[in-house]
N, C-alpha and C. Protein backbone atom coordinates (compact mmCIF):
# COMPACT_ATOMS: atom_id res chain seq x y z
N UNK A 1 82.37 188.03 78.41
CA UNK A 1 81.94 187.77 77.05
C UNK A 1 81.03 186.54 77.06
N UNK A 2 79.93 186.64 76.38
CA UNK A 2 78.98 185.55 76.24
C UNK A 2 79.17 184.94 74.86
N UNK A 3 79.16 183.63 74.77
CA UNK A 3 79.21 182.97 73.46
C UNK A 3 78.18 181.86 73.44
N UNK A 4 77.79 181.49 72.26
CA UNK A 4 76.76 180.48 72.08
C UNK A 4 77.15 179.59 70.91
N UNK A 5 77.00 178.30 71.07
CA UNK A 5 77.27 177.34 70.00
C UNK A 5 75.95 176.98 69.35
N UNK A 6 75.89 177.13 68.04
CA UNK A 6 74.67 176.82 67.29
C UNK A 6 75.03 175.87 66.15
N UNK A 7 74.06 175.10 65.65
CA UNK A 7 74.34 174.18 64.54
C UNK A 7 74.55 174.93 63.22
N UNK A 8 75.22 174.29 62.30
CA UNK A 8 75.47 174.91 60.99
C UNK A 8 74.18 175.11 60.21
N UNK A 9 73.09 174.53 60.64
CA UNK A 9 71.81 174.65 59.94
C UNK A 9 71.04 175.91 60.35
N UNK A 10 71.58 176.72 61.23
CA UNK A 10 70.88 177.93 61.67
C UNK A 10 70.65 178.85 60.48
N UNK A 11 69.48 179.48 60.45
CA UNK A 11 69.14 180.40 59.36
C UNK A 11 69.69 181.79 59.64
N UNK A 12 69.94 182.54 58.59
CA UNK A 12 70.45 183.90 58.72
C UNK A 12 69.53 184.76 59.59
N UNK A 13 68.23 184.56 59.47
CA UNK A 13 67.28 185.33 60.26
C UNK A 13 67.45 185.04 61.75
N UNK A 14 67.73 183.79 62.08
CA UNK A 14 67.95 183.43 63.49
C UNK A 14 69.23 184.06 64.02
N UNK A 15 70.26 184.08 63.20
CA UNK A 15 71.52 184.70 63.61
C UNK A 15 71.30 186.19 63.83
N UNK A 16 70.62 186.84 62.90
CA UNK A 16 70.36 188.28 63.02
C UNK A 16 69.57 188.59 64.28
N UNK A 17 68.62 187.73 64.64
CA UNK A 17 67.80 187.95 65.83
C UNK A 17 68.62 187.88 67.11
N UNK A 18 69.72 187.14 67.08
CA UNK A 18 70.60 187.03 68.25
C UNK A 18 71.50 188.26 68.39
N UNK A 19 71.61 189.07 67.33
CA UNK A 19 72.39 190.30 67.32
C UNK A 19 73.83 190.10 67.84
N UNK A 20 74.57 189.16 67.23
CA UNK A 20 75.93 188.90 67.73
C UNK A 20 76.91 190.01 67.34
N UNK A 21 77.97 190.14 68.15
CA UNK A 21 79.05 191.08 67.83
C UNK A 21 79.97 190.50 66.77
N UNK A 22 80.03 189.18 66.69
CA UNK A 22 80.87 188.51 65.73
C UNK A 22 80.47 187.05 65.62
N UNK A 23 80.98 186.39 64.59
CA UNK A 23 80.69 184.98 64.34
C UNK A 23 82.01 184.25 64.13
N UNK A 24 82.13 183.07 64.71
CA UNK A 24 83.28 182.20 64.46
C UNK A 24 82.75 180.92 63.83
N UNK A 25 83.20 180.63 62.63
CA UNK A 25 82.86 179.38 61.96
C UNK A 25 84.01 178.42 62.23
N UNK A 26 83.73 177.38 63.00
CA UNK A 26 84.81 176.51 63.47
C UNK A 26 85.23 175.48 62.43
N UNK A 27 86.30 174.80 62.76
CA UNK A 27 86.84 173.76 61.90
C UNK A 27 86.09 172.45 62.04
N UNK A 28 86.48 171.49 61.25
CA UNK A 28 85.86 170.18 61.28
C UNK A 28 86.59 169.24 60.34
N UNK A 29 86.18 168.00 60.30
CA UNK A 29 86.89 167.00 59.49
C UNK A 29 86.48 166.98 58.03
N UNK A 30 85.58 167.85 57.61
CA UNK A 30 85.06 167.80 56.24
C UNK A 30 85.85 168.67 55.29
N UNK A 31 85.54 168.51 54.02
CA UNK A 31 86.06 169.37 52.96
C UNK A 31 84.85 169.89 52.20
N UNK A 32 84.88 171.14 51.78
CA UNK A 32 83.75 171.70 51.04
C UNK A 32 83.54 170.98 49.71
N UNK A 33 84.51 170.20 49.28
CA UNK A 33 84.39 169.48 48.02
C UNK A 33 83.69 168.15 48.18
N UNK A 34 83.44 167.71 49.42
CA UNK A 34 82.68 166.48 49.66
C UNK A 34 81.20 166.76 49.47
N UNK A 35 80.51 165.86 48.79
CA UNK A 35 79.08 166.05 48.51
C UNK A 35 78.25 166.13 49.79
N UNK A 36 78.62 165.42 50.82
CA UNK A 36 77.85 165.36 52.06
C UNK A 36 78.32 166.38 53.11
N UNK A 37 79.20 167.29 52.74
CA UNK A 37 79.76 168.22 53.73
C UNK A 37 78.71 169.22 54.21
N UNK A 38 78.85 169.67 55.46
CA UNK A 38 77.90 170.65 56.00
C UNK A 38 77.95 171.96 55.21
N UNK A 39 76.82 172.62 55.16
CA UNK A 39 76.72 173.88 54.45
C UNK A 39 76.35 174.99 55.42
N UNK A 40 76.21 176.18 54.91
CA UNK A 40 75.92 177.35 55.71
C UNK A 40 74.92 178.21 54.94
N UNK A 41 73.94 178.77 55.62
CA UNK A 41 73.00 179.68 54.98
C UNK A 41 73.80 180.85 54.42
N UNK A 42 73.83 181.03 53.10
CA UNK A 42 74.64 182.11 52.51
C UNK A 42 74.26 183.49 53.03
N UNK A 43 73.04 183.65 53.51
CA UNK A 43 72.60 184.92 54.04
C UNK A 43 73.37 185.35 55.27
N UNK A 44 73.96 184.38 55.97
CA UNK A 44 74.72 184.70 57.19
C UNK A 44 75.91 185.60 56.85
N UNK A 45 76.56 185.33 55.74
CA UNK A 45 77.72 186.12 55.35
C UNK A 45 77.34 187.48 54.79
N UNK A 46 76.05 187.71 54.56
CA UNK A 46 75.57 188.99 54.03
C UNK A 46 75.00 189.87 55.13
N UNK A 47 75.07 189.43 56.39
CA UNK A 47 74.51 190.19 57.50
C UNK A 47 75.39 191.37 57.92
N UNK A 48 76.63 191.39 57.47
CA UNK A 48 77.54 192.47 57.84
C UNK A 48 78.16 192.29 59.21
N UNK A 49 78.09 191.08 59.75
CA UNK A 49 78.67 190.78 61.06
C UNK A 49 80.09 190.29 60.85
N UNK A 50 81.08 190.82 61.58
CA UNK A 50 82.45 190.31 61.45
C UNK A 50 82.48 188.80 61.67
N UNK A 51 83.12 188.09 60.74
CA UNK A 51 83.12 186.63 60.78
C UNK A 51 84.53 186.10 60.62
N UNK A 52 84.89 185.16 61.49
CA UNK A 52 86.19 184.50 61.42
C UNK A 52 85.95 183.04 61.08
N UNK A 53 86.58 182.57 60.04
CA UNK A 53 86.48 181.15 59.67
C UNK A 53 87.77 180.45 60.02
N UNK A 54 87.67 179.35 60.74
CA UNK A 54 88.84 178.56 61.14
C UNK A 54 88.76 177.22 60.42
N UNK A 55 89.79 176.88 59.68
CA UNK A 55 89.90 175.61 58.97
C UNK A 55 88.68 175.42 58.06
N UNK A 56 87.81 174.46 58.35
CA UNK A 56 86.65 174.21 57.50
C UNK A 56 85.76 175.45 57.43
N UNK A 57 85.64 176.19 58.53
CA UNK A 57 84.85 177.41 58.52
C UNK A 57 85.34 178.39 57.48
N UNK A 58 86.66 178.49 57.33
CA UNK A 58 87.22 179.36 56.29
C UNK A 58 86.92 178.82 54.91
N UNK A 59 87.00 177.49 54.75
CA UNK A 59 86.68 176.88 53.45
C UNK A 59 85.26 177.22 53.02
N UNK A 60 84.31 177.13 53.96
CA UNK A 60 82.91 177.44 53.65
C UNK A 60 82.77 178.91 53.24
N UNK A 61 83.40 179.80 54.01
CA UNK A 61 83.35 181.22 53.66
C UNK A 61 83.95 181.46 52.28
N UNK A 62 85.11 180.90 52.05
CA UNK A 62 85.80 181.10 50.78
C UNK A 62 84.97 180.58 49.61
N UNK A 63 84.35 179.43 49.79
CA UNK A 63 83.53 178.85 48.72
C UNK A 63 82.32 179.72 48.44
N UNK A 64 81.62 180.16 49.48
CA UNK A 64 80.40 180.94 49.28
C UNK A 64 80.69 182.35 48.76
N UNK A 65 81.85 182.88 49.05
CA UNK A 65 82.22 184.22 48.58
C UNK A 65 83.01 184.18 47.27
N UNK A 66 83.16 182.96 46.69
CA UNK A 66 83.95 182.78 45.47
C UNK A 66 85.37 183.30 45.65
N UNK A 67 85.89 183.17 46.87
CA UNK A 67 87.19 183.71 47.21
C UNK A 67 88.31 183.10 46.37
N UNK A 68 88.32 181.78 46.23
CA UNK A 68 89.41 181.13 45.49
C UNK A 68 89.36 181.52 44.01
N UNK A 69 88.17 181.64 43.46
CA UNK A 69 88.02 182.07 42.07
C UNK A 69 88.50 183.51 41.92
N UNK A 70 88.11 184.38 42.85
CA UNK A 70 88.53 185.79 42.79
C UNK A 70 90.03 185.94 43.02
N UNK A 71 90.57 185.12 43.94
CA UNK A 71 92.00 185.18 44.22
C UNK A 71 92.79 184.78 42.97
N UNK A 72 92.33 183.77 42.26
CA UNK A 72 93.01 183.35 41.04
C UNK A 72 92.95 184.44 39.98
N UNK A 73 91.86 185.18 39.97
CA UNK A 73 91.69 186.24 38.98
C UNK A 73 92.66 187.39 39.19
N UNK A 74 93.17 187.57 40.41
CA UNK A 74 94.12 188.65 40.67
C UNK A 74 95.55 188.13 40.80
N UNK A 75 95.79 186.96 40.31
CA UNK A 75 97.15 186.45 40.27
C UNK A 75 97.51 185.53 41.42
N UNK A 76 96.55 185.12 42.23
CA UNK A 76 96.82 184.16 43.29
C UNK A 76 97.51 184.73 44.51
N UNK A 77 97.50 186.04 44.67
CA UNK A 77 98.13 186.64 45.84
C UNK A 77 97.08 187.01 46.87
N UNK A 78 97.40 186.79 48.13
CA UNK A 78 96.49 187.13 49.21
C UNK A 78 97.09 188.26 50.02
N UNK A 79 96.37 189.35 50.12
CA UNK A 79 96.80 190.50 50.91
C UNK A 79 95.76 190.77 51.98
N UNK A 80 96.22 190.89 53.22
CA UNK A 80 95.32 191.22 54.31
C UNK A 80 95.74 192.57 54.85
N UNK A 81 94.81 193.49 54.94
CA UNK A 81 95.10 194.82 55.45
C UNK A 81 94.12 195.16 56.56
N UNK A 82 94.56 195.93 57.53
CA UNK A 82 93.70 196.33 58.64
C UNK A 82 93.62 197.84 58.68
N UNK A 83 92.41 198.34 58.97
CA UNK A 83 92.21 199.77 59.05
C UNK A 83 91.69 200.18 60.41
N UNK A 84 91.77 199.36 61.41
CA UNK A 84 91.20 199.67 62.72
C UNK A 84 89.78 199.17 62.82
N UNK A 85 89.04 199.72 63.78
CA UNK A 85 87.67 199.26 64.01
C UNK A 85 86.81 199.52 62.78
N UNK A 86 85.96 198.57 62.48
CA UNK A 86 85.04 198.72 61.36
C UNK A 86 84.91 197.44 60.58
N UNK A 87 84.03 197.45 59.63
CA UNK A 87 83.78 196.27 58.80
C UNK A 87 84.76 196.26 57.64
N UNK A 88 85.00 195.08 57.11
CA UNK A 88 85.88 194.97 55.96
C UNK A 88 85.40 193.84 55.09
N UNK A 89 85.91 193.78 53.89
CA UNK A 89 85.49 192.73 52.97
C UNK A 89 86.73 192.06 52.39
N UNK A 90 86.54 190.91 51.78
CA UNK A 90 87.67 190.18 51.19
C UNK A 90 88.27 190.90 49.99
N UNK A 91 87.53 191.81 49.38
CA UNK A 91 88.11 192.50 48.24
C UNK A 91 88.96 193.70 48.66
N UNK A 92 89.11 193.89 49.99
CA UNK A 92 90.00 194.93 50.49
C UNK A 92 89.38 196.30 50.61
N UNK A 93 88.11 196.43 50.31
CA UNK A 93 87.43 197.71 50.42
C UNK A 93 86.73 197.82 51.76
N UNK A 94 86.96 198.91 52.43
CA UNK A 94 86.32 199.13 53.73
C UNK A 94 84.83 199.39 53.52
N UNK A 95 84.01 198.78 54.37
CA UNK A 95 82.57 198.94 54.26
C UNK A 95 82.03 199.55 55.55
N UNK A 96 82.17 200.82 55.74
CA UNK A 96 81.61 201.49 56.91
C UNK A 96 82.45 201.30 58.16
N UNK A 97 82.03 201.95 59.22
CA UNK A 97 82.75 201.84 60.49
C UNK A 97 81.83 201.39 61.58
């Protein structure tokens, strides 16, 4: 397996050009609520590439996808379901295979 570390400033077009099998957004000491916290090109999450957010990486994903707002709208419950190989979304709907 080949992996590559890139800065958080990478553009979605650059990520797409690398044609990754998946993306891992790593953790860090920041909070998405800090004014100076690192950001992410929102287009990266729209590429349809499986993405795992760890710690701060998850915070960034959740913020950009309005996850916490949507979670509150459904009663604050988090359900994770797996359907095997394929893409998935936070709203629980399968998006292709």
